[in-house]
Amino acid sequence: MAIKKSQIEKWIAAQRKHRLSDTHVQMARELGLNPDKLGKIDNHKQEAWKSPLPEFIEEIYFKRFRKKRPDNTVRPLKQILKDEELKAKAKKQAKDERRKLRAEENPDGNPS
């Protein structure tokens, strides 16, 4: 599944704003949390009954998946963004090569 660049950038901004680790961000993404709405959850200073955001993410992650941490390796968001860009470049290059081969096979421009 391709991840949109704008969505990753929103997560990077939320990670910086709420001081979350890469593990907490991955857990929140797996839970399907919205990065724009994390400020509502991270309001433990004004509302004392709320737990801090990293603890809250760990709690709901454990409730849903019955494990403390994600099974797969945690990749930083910047690395995910870099990998997506490399993948897109490779895909574009392969497409250009296919077009070039098709153009060499049919120099007059007819599809058949």
N, C-alpha and C. Protein backbone atom coordinates (compact mmCIF):
# COMPACT_ATOMS: atom_id res chain seq x y z
N MET A 1 0.84 -1.17 0.00
CA MET A 1 0.00 0.00 0.00
C MET A 1 0.89 1.24 0.00
N ALA A 2 0.65 2.07 -0.97
CA ALA A 2 1.43 3.30 -1.05
C ALA A 2 0.91 4.31 -0.02
N ILE A 3 1.84 5.01 0.58
CA ILE A 3 1.49 6.00 1.59
C ILE A 3 1.68 7.37 0.97
N LYS A 4 0.69 8.21 1.11
CA LYS A 4 0.78 9.54 0.53
C LYS A 4 1.79 10.39 1.28
N LYS A 5 2.53 11.18 0.51
CA LYS A 5 3.57 12.02 1.09
C LYS A 5 2.99 13.02 2.08
N SER A 6 1.82 13.57 1.76
CA SER A 6 1.21 14.56 2.65
C SER A 6 0.85 13.94 4.00
N GLN A 7 0.41 12.69 3.99
CA GLN A 7 0.05 12.01 5.23
C GLN A 7 1.29 11.76 6.09
N ILE A 8 2.38 11.37 5.47
CA ILE A 8 3.63 11.16 6.21
C ILE A 8 4.11 12.48 6.79
N GLU A 9 4.00 13.55 6.03
CA GLU A 9 4.42 14.86 6.52
C GLU A 9 3.58 15.30 7.72
N LYS A 10 2.28 14.97 7.71
CA LYS A 10 1.43 15.28 8.86
C LYS A 10 1.90 14.52 10.09
N TRP A 11 2.28 13.25 9.90
CA TRP A 11 2.77 12.45 11.02
C TRP A 11 4.10 12.98 11.54
N ILE A 12 4.96 13.46 10.63
CA ILE A 12 6.24 14.03 11.06
C ILE A 12 6.00 15.27 11.91
N ALA A 13 5.08 16.12 11.48
CA ALA A 13 4.75 17.33 12.24
C ALA A 13 4.16 16.97 13.61
N ALA A 14 3.27 15.98 13.63
CA ALA A 14 2.65 15.55 14.90
C ALA A 14 3.70 14.94 15.82
N GLN A 15 4.63 14.19 15.26
CA GLN A 15 5.69 13.58 16.07
C GLN A 15 6.53 14.65 16.73
N ARG A 16 6.86 15.68 15.97
CA ARG A 16 7.67 16.76 16.51
C ARG A 16 6.90 17.55 17.57
N LYS A 17 5.63 17.85 17.27
CA LYS A 17 4.82 18.68 18.16
C LYS A 17 4.54 17.99 19.50
N HIS A 18 4.23 16.70 19.44
CA HIS A 18 3.83 15.97 20.65
C HIS A 18 4.97 15.15 21.24
N ARG A 19 6.16 15.28 20.70
CA ARG A 19 7.36 14.59 21.19
C ARG A 19 7.16 13.08 21.30
N LEU A 20 6.80 12.48 20.20
CA LEU A 20 6.57 11.04 20.16
C LEU A 20 7.77 10.33 19.54
N SER A 21 8.01 9.12 19.98
CA SER A 21 9.08 8.32 19.39
C SER A 21 8.56 7.67 18.10
N ASP A 22 9.47 7.08 17.33
CA ASP A 22 9.07 6.40 16.11
C ASP A 22 8.16 5.21 16.42
N THR A 23 8.41 4.56 17.54
CA THR A 23 7.57 3.43 17.94
C THR A 23 6.15 3.89 18.25
N HIS A 24 6.02 4.99 18.97
CA HIS A 24 4.68 5.50 19.30
C HIS A 24 3.94 5.94 18.04
N VAL A 25 4.65 6.53 17.11
CA VAL A 25 4.01 6.95 15.86
C VAL A 25 3.53 5.73 15.08
N GLN A 26 4.36 4.70 15.00
CA GLN A 26 3.94 3.51 14.28
C GLN A 26 2.74 2.85 14.95
N MET A 27 2.75 2.81 16.27
CA MET A 27 1.62 2.23 16.98
C MET A 27 0.35 3.04 16.71
N ALA A 28 0.46 4.36 16.73
CA ALA A 28 -0.70 5.22 16.48
C ALA A 28 -1.20 5.05 15.05
N ARG A 29 -0.28 4.89 14.10
CA ARG A 29 -0.68 4.68 12.71
C ARG A 29 -1.39 3.34 12.55
N GLU A 30 -0.89 2.30 13.22
CA GLU A 30 -1.54 0.99 13.16
C GLU A 30 -2.92 1.03 13.79
N LEU A 31 -3.09 1.87 14.80
CA LEU A 31 -4.40 2.02 15.45
C LEU A 31 -5.36 2.83 14.59
N GLY A 32 -4.84 3.55 13.61
CA GLY A 32 -5.69 4.35 12.74
C GLY A 32 -5.99 5.72 13.31
N LEU A 33 -5.14 6.23 14.20
CA LEU A 33 -5.36 7.54 14.76
C LEU A 33 -5.07 8.62 13.72
N ASN A 34 -5.74 9.75 13.86
CA ASN A 34 -5.58 10.87 12.96
C ASN A 34 -4.52 11.81 13.54
N PRO A 35 -3.46 12.13 12.79
CA PRO A 35 -2.41 13.00 13.34
C PRO A 35 -2.90 14.41 13.66
N ASP A 36 -3.94 14.85 12.97
CA ASP A 36 -4.48 16.19 13.22
C ASP A 36 -5.24 16.26 14.54
N LYS A 37 -5.72 15.15 15.05
CA LYS A 37 -6.55 15.12 16.25
C LYS A 37 -5.79 14.72 17.51
N LEU A 38 -4.48 14.54 17.40
CA LEU A 38 -3.71 14.11 18.57
C LEU A 38 -3.68 15.16 19.66
N GLY A 39 -3.86 16.43 19.31
CA GLY A 39 -3.85 17.49 20.31
C GLY A 39 -4.99 17.36 21.30
N LYS A 40 -6.12 16.83 20.84
CA LYS A 40 -7.26 16.63 21.75
C LYS A 40 -6.97 15.54 22.77
N ILE A 41 -6.23 14.54 22.33
CA ILE A 41 -5.90 13.44 23.22
C ILE A 41 -4.78 13.84 24.18
N ASP A 42 -3.84 14.64 23.68
CA ASP A 42 -2.67 15.05 24.47
C ASP A 42 -2.97 16.34 25.22
N ASN A 43 -3.88 16.26 26.16
CA ASN A 43 -4.29 17.43 26.92
C ASN A 43 -4.20 17.13 28.41
N HIS A 44 -3.17 16.37 28.79
CA HIS A 44 -3.09 15.89 30.17
C HIS A 44 -2.68 16.98 31.16
N LYS A 45 -2.14 18.08 30.69
CA LYS A 45 -1.74 19.14 31.62
C LYS A 45 -2.95 19.92 32.12
N GLN A 46 -3.92 20.13 31.24
CA GLN A 46 -5.13 20.86 31.63
C GLN A 46 -6.16 19.94 32.28
N GLU A 47 -6.21 18.72 31.81
CA GLU A 47 -7.17 17.76 32.34
C GLU A 47 -6.38 16.64 33.01
N ALA A 48 -6.29 16.71 34.32
CA ALA A 48 -5.41 15.82 35.07
C ALA A 48 -5.78 14.35 34.97
N TRP A 49 -7.02 14.04 34.64
CA TRP A 49 -7.43 12.64 34.58
C TRP A 49 -6.93 11.94 33.32
N LYS A 50 -6.43 12.72 32.34
CA LYS A 50 -5.90 12.10 31.12
C LYS A 50 -4.46 11.69 31.33
N SER A 51 -4.08 10.59 30.68
CA SER A 51 -2.68 10.16 30.74
C SER A 51 -1.92 10.83 29.59
N PRO A 52 -0.60 10.96 29.71
CA PRO A 52 0.18 11.54 28.62
C PRO A 52 0.00 10.72 27.33
N LEU A 53 0.16 11.38 26.21
CA LEU A 53 -0.13 10.77 24.91
C LEU A 53 0.65 9.47 24.67
N PRO A 54 1.97 9.41 24.92
CA PRO A 54 2.66 8.13 24.68
C PRO A 54 2.10 6.98 25.51
N GLU A 55 1.76 7.26 26.76
CA GLU A 55 1.18 6.21 27.61
C GLU A 55 -0.20 5.80 27.10
N PHE A 56 -0.98 6.77 26.66
CA PHE A 56 -2.32 6.49 26.13
C PHE A 56 -2.24 5.60 24.89
N ILE A 57 -1.30 5.92 24.00
CA ILE A 57 -1.13 5.12 22.78
C ILE A 57 -0.73 3.70 23.15
N GLU A 58 0.18 3.55 24.11
CA GLU A 58 0.58 2.20 24.54
C GLU A 58 -0.59 1.42 25.13
N GLU A 59 -1.42 2.11 25.92
CA GLU A 59 -2.58 1.44 26.53
C GLU A 59 -3.56 0.94 25.49
N ILE A 60 -3.94 1.79 24.55
CA ILE A 60 -4.95 1.36 23.58
C ILE A 60 -4.36 0.37 22.59
N TYR A 61 -3.06 0.46 22.33
CA TYR A 61 -2.41 -0.52 21.46
C TYR A 61 -2.46 -1.91 22.12
N PHE A 62 -2.18 -1.94 23.43
CA PHE A 62 -2.23 -3.22 24.14
C PHE A 62 -3.66 -3.77 24.18
N LYS A 63 -4.64 -2.89 24.39
CA LYS A 63 -6.04 -3.35 24.43
C LYS A 63 -6.46 -3.96 23.10
N ARG A 64 -6.04 -3.35 21.99
CA ARG A 64 -6.48 -3.83 20.69
C ARG A 64 -5.69 -5.05 20.23
N PHE A 65 -4.36 -5.01 20.35
CA PHE A 65 -3.53 -6.06 19.76
C PHE A 65 -2.96 -7.06 20.75
N ARG A 66 -3.13 -6.84 22.04
CA ARG A 66 -2.62 -7.72 23.10
C ARG A 66 -1.11 -7.91 23.01
N LYS A 67 -0.41 -6.85 22.65
CA LYS A 67 1.05 -6.87 22.67
C LYS A 67 1.55 -5.47 22.99
N LYS A 68 2.73 -5.39 23.56
CA LYS A 68 3.25 -4.12 24.03
C LYS A 68 3.88 -3.29 22.92
N ARG A 69 4.45 -3.94 21.94
CA ARG A 69 5.15 -3.24 20.84
C ARG A 69 4.80 -3.90 19.51
N PRO A 70 4.97 -3.18 18.41
CA PRO A 70 4.75 -3.79 17.09
C PRO A 70 5.73 -4.93 16.83
N ASP A 71 5.28 -5.95 16.10
CA ASP A 71 6.14 -7.10 15.79
C ASP A 71 7.24 -6.74 14.80
N ASN A 72 6.85 -6.04 13.74
CA ASN A 72 7.84 -5.73 12.71
C ASN A 72 8.76 -4.60 13.16
N THR A 73 9.82 -4.40 12.43
CA THR A 73 10.79 -3.38 12.80
C THR A 73 10.19 -1.99 12.63
N VAL A 74 10.57 -1.12 13.52
CA VAL A 74 10.06 0.25 13.49
C VAL A 74 10.96 1.08 12.59
N ARG A 75 10.36 1.66 11.55
CA ARG A 75 11.12 2.50 10.62
C ARG A 75 10.78 3.96 10.88
N PRO A 76 11.79 4.83 10.91
CA PRO A 76 11.51 6.26 11.07
C PRO A 76 10.70 6.79 9.88
N LEU A 77 9.90 7.81 10.12
CA LEU A 77 9.05 8.37 9.08
C LEU A 77 9.86 8.92 7.92
N LYS A 78 11.00 9.53 8.22
CA LYS A 78 11.84 10.06 7.15
C LYS A 78 12.35 8.94 6.25
N GLN A 79 12.64 7.78 6.83
CA GLN A 79 13.08 6.64 6.03
C GLN A 79 11.94 6.13 5.15
N ILE A 80 10.73 6.10 5.68
CA ILE A 80 9.58 5.66 4.90
C ILE A 80 9.37 6.61 3.72
N LEU A 81 9.49 7.90 3.97
CA LEU A 81 9.33 8.91 2.92
C LEU A 81 10.41 8.73 1.85
N LYS A 82 11.64 8.49 2.27
CA LYS A 82 12.74 8.29 1.33
C LYS A 82 12.53 7.04 0.49
N ASP A 83 12.07 5.95 1.13
CA ASP A 83 11.81 4.70 0.41
C ASP A 83 10.71 4.87 -0.63
N GLU A 84 9.66 5.62 -0.27
CA GLU A 84 8.57 5.86 -1.21
C GLU A 84 9.05 6.66 -2.42
N GLU A 85 9.93 7.64 -2.19
CA GLU A 85 10.45 8.43 -3.30
C GLU A 85 11.32 7.57 -4.22
N LEU A 86 12.16 6.71 -3.64
CA LEU A 86 12.99 5.82 -4.45
C LEU A 86 12.13 4.85 -5.26
N LYS A 87 11.07 4.36 -4.64
CA LYS A 87 10.16 3.43 -5.31
C LYS A 87 9.46 4.12 -6.49
N ALA A 88 9.06 5.37 -6.28
CA ALA A 88 8.40 6.12 -7.34
C ALA A 88 9.36 6.40 -8.50
N LYS A 89 10.61 6.73 -8.18
CA LYS A 89 11.61 6.97 -9.23
C LYS A 89 11.86 5.71 -10.04
N ALA A 90 11.97 4.57 -9.36
CA ALA A 90 12.20 3.31 -10.05
C ALA A 90 11.02 2.95 -10.95
N LYS A 91 9.82 3.20 -10.47
CA LYS A 91 8.62 2.92 -11.25
C LYS A 91 8.57 3.81 -12.50
N LYS A 92 8.93 5.08 -12.34
CA LYS A 92 8.92 6.01 -13.47
C LYS A 92 9.98 5.61 -14.49
N GLN A 93 11.14 5.20 -14.02
CA GLN A 93 12.21 4.79 -14.92
C GLN A 93 11.80 3.54 -15.71
N ALA A 94 11.17 2.59 -15.06
CA ALA A 94 10.71 1.38 -15.74
C ALA A 94 9.65 1.72 -16.78
N LYS A 95 8.78 2.64 -16.46
CA LYS A 95 7.75 3.05 -17.40
C LYS A 95 8.36 3.74 -18.62
N ASP A 96 9.36 4.59 -18.38
CA ASP A 96 10.04 5.26 -19.49
C ASP A 96 10.75 4.26 -20.40
N GLU A 97 11.35 3.22 -19.79
CA GLU A 97 12.02 2.18 -20.58
C GLU A 97 11.01 1.41 -21.43
N ARG A 98 9.85 1.09 -20.86
CA ARG A 98 8.81 0.39 -21.63
C ARG A 98 8.34 1.23 -22.80
N ARG A 99 8.17 2.53 -22.57
CA ARG A 99 7.75 3.43 -23.65
C ARG A 99 8.80 3.48 -24.75
N LYS A 100 10.06 3.52 -24.35
CA LYS A 100 11.15 3.58 -25.30
C LYS A 100 11.19 2.32 -26.16
N LEU A 101 11.01 1.15 -25.53
CA LEU A 101 10.99 -0.11 -26.28
C LEU A 101 9.82 -0.16 -27.25
N ARG A 102 8.66 0.31 -26.81
CA ARG A 102 7.48 0.34 -27.69
C ARG A 102 7.70 1.27 -28.88
N ALA A 103 8.34 2.38 -28.62
CA ALA A 103 8.60 3.34 -29.70
C ALA A 103 9.59 2.77 -30.70
N GLU A 104 10.56 1.98 -30.25
CA GLU A 104 11.52 1.35 -31.16
C GLU A 104 10.87 0.25 -32.00
N GLU A 105 9.90 -0.46 -31.41
CA GLU A 105 9.21 -1.52 -32.14
C GLU A 105 8.29 -0.96 -33.21
N ASN A 106 7.62 0.13 -32.90
CA ASN A 106 6.67 0.76 -33.84
C ASN A 106 7.09 2.20 -34.11
N PRO A 107 8.00 2.41 -35.03
CA PRO A 107 8.48 3.77 -35.29
C PRO A 107 7.42 4.67 -35.92
N ASP A 108 6.41 4.09 -36.59
CA ASP A 108 5.39 4.95 -37.23
C ASP A 108 4.31 5.39 -36.25
N GLY A 109 4.29 4.89 -35.04
CA GLY A 109 3.35 5.35 -34.01
C GLY A 109 2.05 4.57 -33.96
N ASN A 110 1.88 3.55 -34.81
CA ASN A 110 0.65 2.74 -34.74
C ASN A 110 0.75 1.75 -33.59
N PRO A 111 -0.37 1.54 -32.85
CA PRO A 111 -0.33 0.65 -31.70
C PRO A 111 -0.12 -0.81 -32.06
N SER A 112 -0.48 -1.28 -33.24
CA SER A 112 -0.34 -2.69 -33.61
C SER A 112 0.82 -2.95 -34.50
